[in-house]
Structures are given as C-alpha cells and as structure tokens.
Amino acid sequence: MPWWIWLLLVLFMLAMIVAGCIYVVLHGYHAFKDIAQVGGRVVERFGAMQNTLPEEEANSAPFFTRPLQDAVNRYVDAHAQVIKRREAKRERHAAQWGRWNHFND
C-alpha cells in the first residue's frame, strides 16, 4: 500500500477523534445546563419549604370554653381549604393528562 493511503487513514482517524471529542463536549455542556436548571428548581422549592406560614392569632383560652360558633368557623375554614386542595390536585392531574395525551402529536 502506498504511503499516501496511510497518511489519509491517519488523517481520517485524527479527524474522527476530534469530531468525537467535540461531540462529547457539546453533549456534556447541554447536559450540564439541564442539570443546572433542575438544580435551580430544587433550590427554589427547598427555599419555599423553609418559609414559615403566617400564624393566626390564636385565642389562648381552651377551645372547649369558647363559643360553639368558633368551632363552626374553624371547621368551615378547614373544609374550604380541603376543597381548594382537592380542586388544585384535580387541575394538576387534568393538566398532566392533557400533556400526556398530546405528547406524540
């Protein structure tokens, strides 16, 4: 085999090694960006979990000594929060199913 064929093979091999290195670096960079975004979201959510909820001014008297209307109001408020959470969950599930239904469109 003539010497110039060997030269072409070596140059082709070097070109493929360089192309492979570029491929690895680009995909690594894109993966790093994706991981950084996920890390940012995680930090944001952990930060939100550390925020304390505002405390209501609670009556210091024992609950059973207060008027019955206080218990009724607290029950109504608690039940309204339960309904809101259920509705929010239902909306999140509907949105997720909507994304899944149109995933392959």
C-alpha atoms as a PDB file:
ATOM      1  CA  MET A   1       0.000   0.000   0.000  1.00  0.00           C
ATOM      2  CA  PRO A   2       1.446   3.403  -0.908  1.00  0.00           C
ATOM      3  CA  TRP A   3       2.446   5.854   1.805  1.00  0.00           C
ATOM      4  CA  TRP A   4      -0.225   8.426   0.930  1.00  0.00           C
ATOM      5  CA  ILE A   5      -3.037   5.931   1.735  1.00  0.00           C
ATOM      6  CA  TRP A   6      -1.564   5.514   5.208  1.00  0.00           C
ATOM      7  CA  LEU A   7      -1.440   9.293   5.522  1.00  0.00           C
ATOM      8  CA  LEU A   8      -5.115   9.563   4.530  1.00  0.00           C
ATOM      9  CA  LEU A   9      -6.084   6.854   7.042  1.00  0.00           C
ATOM     10  CA  VAL A  10      -4.185   8.600   9.853  1.00  0.00           C
ATOM     11  CA  LEU A  11      -5.728  11.965   8.976  1.00  0.00           C
ATOM     12  CA  PHE A  12      -9.202  10.392   8.872  1.00  0.00           C
ATOM     13  CA  MET A  13      -8.598   8.767  12.263  1.00  0.00           C
ATOM     14  CA  LEU A  14      -7.460  12.071  13.769  1.00  0.00           C
ATOM     15  CA  ALA A  15     -10.483  13.857  12.279  1.00  0.00           C
ATOM     16  CA  MET A  16     -12.819  11.244  13.816  1.00  0.00           C
ATOM     17  CA  ILE A  17     -11.137  11.575  17.231  1.00  0.00           C
ATOM     18  CA  VAL A  18     -11.510  15.366  17.119  1.00  0.00           C
ATOM     19  CA  ALA A  19     -15.149  15.069  15.989  1.00  0.00           C
ATOM     20  CA  GLY A  20     -15.835  12.605  18.827  1.00  0.00           C
ATOM     21  CA  CYS A  21     -14.277  14.958  21.380  1.00  0.00           C
ATOM     22  CA  ILE A  22     -16.380  17.851  20.095  1.00  0.00           C
ATOM     23  CA  TYR A  23     -19.494  15.663  20.256  1.00  0.00           C
ATOM     24  CA  VAL A  24     -18.768  14.692  23.861  1.00  0.00           C
ATOM     25  CA  VAL A  25     -18.044  18.274  24.935  1.00  0.00           C
ATOM     26  CA  LEU A  26     -21.224  19.665  23.330  1.00  0.00           C
ATOM     27  CA  HIS A  27     -23.471  16.982  24.794  1.00  0.00           C
ATOM     28  CA  GLY A  28     -21.804  17.363  28.188  1.00  0.00           C
ATOM     29  CA  TYR A  29     -22.409  21.115  28.076  1.00  0.00           C
ATOM     30  CA  HIS A  30     -26.102  20.649  27.220  1.00  0.00           C
ATOM     31  CA  ALA A  31     -26.490  18.056  29.990  1.00  0.00           C
ATOM     32  CA  PHE A  32     -24.809  20.427  32.449  1.00  0.00           C
ATOM     33  CA  LYS A  33     -27.256  23.203  31.501  1.00  0.00           C
ATOM     34  CA  ASP A  34     -30.220  20.854  32.018  1.00  0.00           C
ATOM     35  CA  ILE A  35     -28.893  19.699  35.390  1.00  0.00           C
ATOM     36  CA  ALA A  36     -28.306  23.319  36.422  1.00  0.00           C
ATOM     37  CA  GLN A  37     -31.935  24.165  35.614  1.00  0.00           C
ATOM     38  CA  VAL A  38     -33.171  21.197  37.635  1.00  0.00           C
ATOM     39  CA  GLY A  39     -30.874  22.196  40.496  1.00  0.00           C
ATOM     40  CA  GLY A  40     -32.269  25.730  40.370  1.00  0.00           C
ATOM     41  CA  ARG A  41     -35.806  24.413  40.620  1.00  0.00           C
ATOM     42  CA  VAL A  42     -34.856  22.152  43.517  1.00  0.00           C
ATOM     43  CA  VAL A  43     -33.229  25.043  45.398  1.00  0.00           C
ATOM     44  CA  GLU A  44     -36.288  27.192  44.770  1.00  0.00           C
ATOM     45  CA  ARG A  45     -38.622  24.518  46.123  1.00  0.00           C
ATOM     46  CA  PHE A  46     -36.463  23.827  49.164  1.00  0.00           C
ATOM     47  CA  GLY A  47     -36.396  27.557  49.826  1.00  0.00           C
ATOM     48  CA  ALA A  48     -40.186  27.666  49.622  1.00  0.00           C
ATOM     49  CA  MET A  49     -40.404  24.766  52.089  1.00  0.00           C
ATOM     50  CA  GLN A  50     -38.328  26.710  54.609  1.00  0.00           C
ATOM     51  CA  ASN A  51     -40.693  29.683  54.559  1.00  0.00           C
ATOM     52  CA  THR A  52     -42.994  29.531  57.540  1.00  0.00           C
ATOM     53  CA  LEU A  53     -46.686  30.032  57.142  1.00  0.00           C
ATOM     54  CA  PRO A  54     -48.167  33.100  58.800  1.00  0.00           C
ATOM     55  CA  GLU A  55     -49.581  32.148  62.160  1.00  0.00           C
ATOM     56  CA  GLU A  56     -53.038  33.230  63.101  1.00  0.00           C
ATOM     57  CA  GLU A  57     -53.563  34.962  66.384  1.00  0.00           C
ATOM     58  CA  ALA A  58     -54.984  32.123  68.377  1.00  0.00           C
ATOM     59  CA  ASN A  59     -57.197  32.663  71.344  1.00  0.00           C
ATOM     60  CA  SER A  60     -55.320  31.456  74.397  1.00  0.00           C
ATOM     61  CA  ALA A  61     -58.444  30.158  76.087  1.00  0.00           C
ATOM     62  CA  PRO A  62     -59.067  26.397  75.818  1.00  0.00           C
ATOM     63  CA  PHE A  63     -61.119  25.564  72.770  1.00  0.00           C
ATOM     64  CA  PHE A  64     -63.927  23.829  74.641  1.00  0.00           C
ATOM     65  CA  THR A  65     -64.586  27.022  76.657  1.00  0.00           C
ATOM     66  CA  ARG A  66     -65.133  29.190  73.606  1.00  0.00           C
ATOM     67  CA  PRO A  67     -68.477  29.688  71.899  1.00  0.00           C
ATOM     68  CA  LEU A  68     -69.638  26.988  69.527  1.00  0.00           C
ATOM     69  CA  GLN A  69     -69.534  29.478  66.654  1.00  0.00           C
ATOM     70  CA  ASP A  70     -65.701  29.499  66.898  1.00  0.00           C
ATOM     71  CA  ALA A  71     -65.604  25.755  66.285  1.00  0.00           C
ATOM     72  CA  VAL A  72     -68.057  26.068  63.408  1.00  0.00           C
ATOM     73  CA  ASN A  73     -65.990  28.833  61.781  1.00  0.00           C
ATOM     74  CA  ARG A  74     -62.764  26.839  62.113  1.00  0.00           C
ATOM     75  CA  TYR A  75     -64.452  23.760  60.634  1.00  0.00           C
ATOM     76  CA  VAL A  76     -65.819  25.789  57.707  1.00  0.00           C
ATOM     77  CA  ASP A  77     -62.369  27.303  57.042  1.00  0.00           C
ATOM     78  CA  ALA A  78     -60.651  23.927  57.265  1.00  0.00           C
ATOM     79  CA  HIS A  79     -63.192  22.311  54.952  1.00  0.00           C
ATOM     80  CA  ALA A  80     -62.811  25.157  52.433  1.00  0.00           C
ATOM     81  CA  GLN A  81     -59.043  24.550  52.416  1.00  0.00           C
ATOM     82  CA  VAL A  82     -59.623  20.828  51.858  1.00  0.00           C
ATOM     83  CA  ILE A  83     -61.872  21.593  48.897  1.00  0.00           C
ATOM     84  CA  LYS A  84     -59.288  24.015  47.453  1.00  0.00           C
ATOM     85  CA  ARG A  85     -56.529  21.404  47.747  1.00  0.00           C
ATOM     86  CA  ARG A  86     -58.674  18.750  46.083  1.00  0.00           C
ATOM     87  CA  GLU A  87     -59.574  21.120  43.251  1.00  0.00           C
ATOM     88  CA  ALA A  88     -55.926  22.112  42.775  1.00  0.00           C
ATOM     89  CA  LYS A  89     -54.958  18.438  42.669  1.00  0.00           C
ATOM     90  CA  ARG A  90     -57.691  17.740  40.143  1.00  0.00           C
ATOM     91  CA  GLU A  91     -56.476  20.622  37.957  1.00  0.00           C
ATOM     92  CA  ARG A  92     -52.847  19.432  38.147  1.00  0.00           C
ATOM     93  CA  HIS A  93     -53.873  15.925  37.171  1.00  0.00           C
ATOM     94  CA  ALA A  94     -56.008  17.181  34.280  1.00  0.00           C
ATOM     95  CA  ALA A  95     -53.133  19.331  33.031  1.00  0.00           C
ATOM     96  CA  GLN A  96     -50.713  16.388  33.227  1.00  0.00           C
ATOM     97  CA  TRP A  97     -53.109  14.096  31.374  1.00  0.00           C
ATOM     98  CA  GLY A  98     -53.547  16.813  28.760  1.00  0.00           C
ATOM     99  CA  ARG A  99     -49.781  16.964  28.261  1.00  0.00           C
ATOM    100  CA  TRP A 100     -49.590  13.181  28.040  1.00  0.00           C
ATOM    101  CA  ASN A 101     -52.453  12.983  25.545  1.00  0.00           C
ATOM    102  CA  HIS A 102     -50.700  15.406  23.191  1.00  0.00           C
ATOM    103  CA  PHE A 103     -47.152  14.155  23.822  1.00  0.00           C
ATOM    104  CA  ASN A 104     -46.728  12.407  20.476  1.00  0.00           C
ATOM    105  CA  ASP A 105     -48.712  14.856  18.348  1.00  0.00           C
END
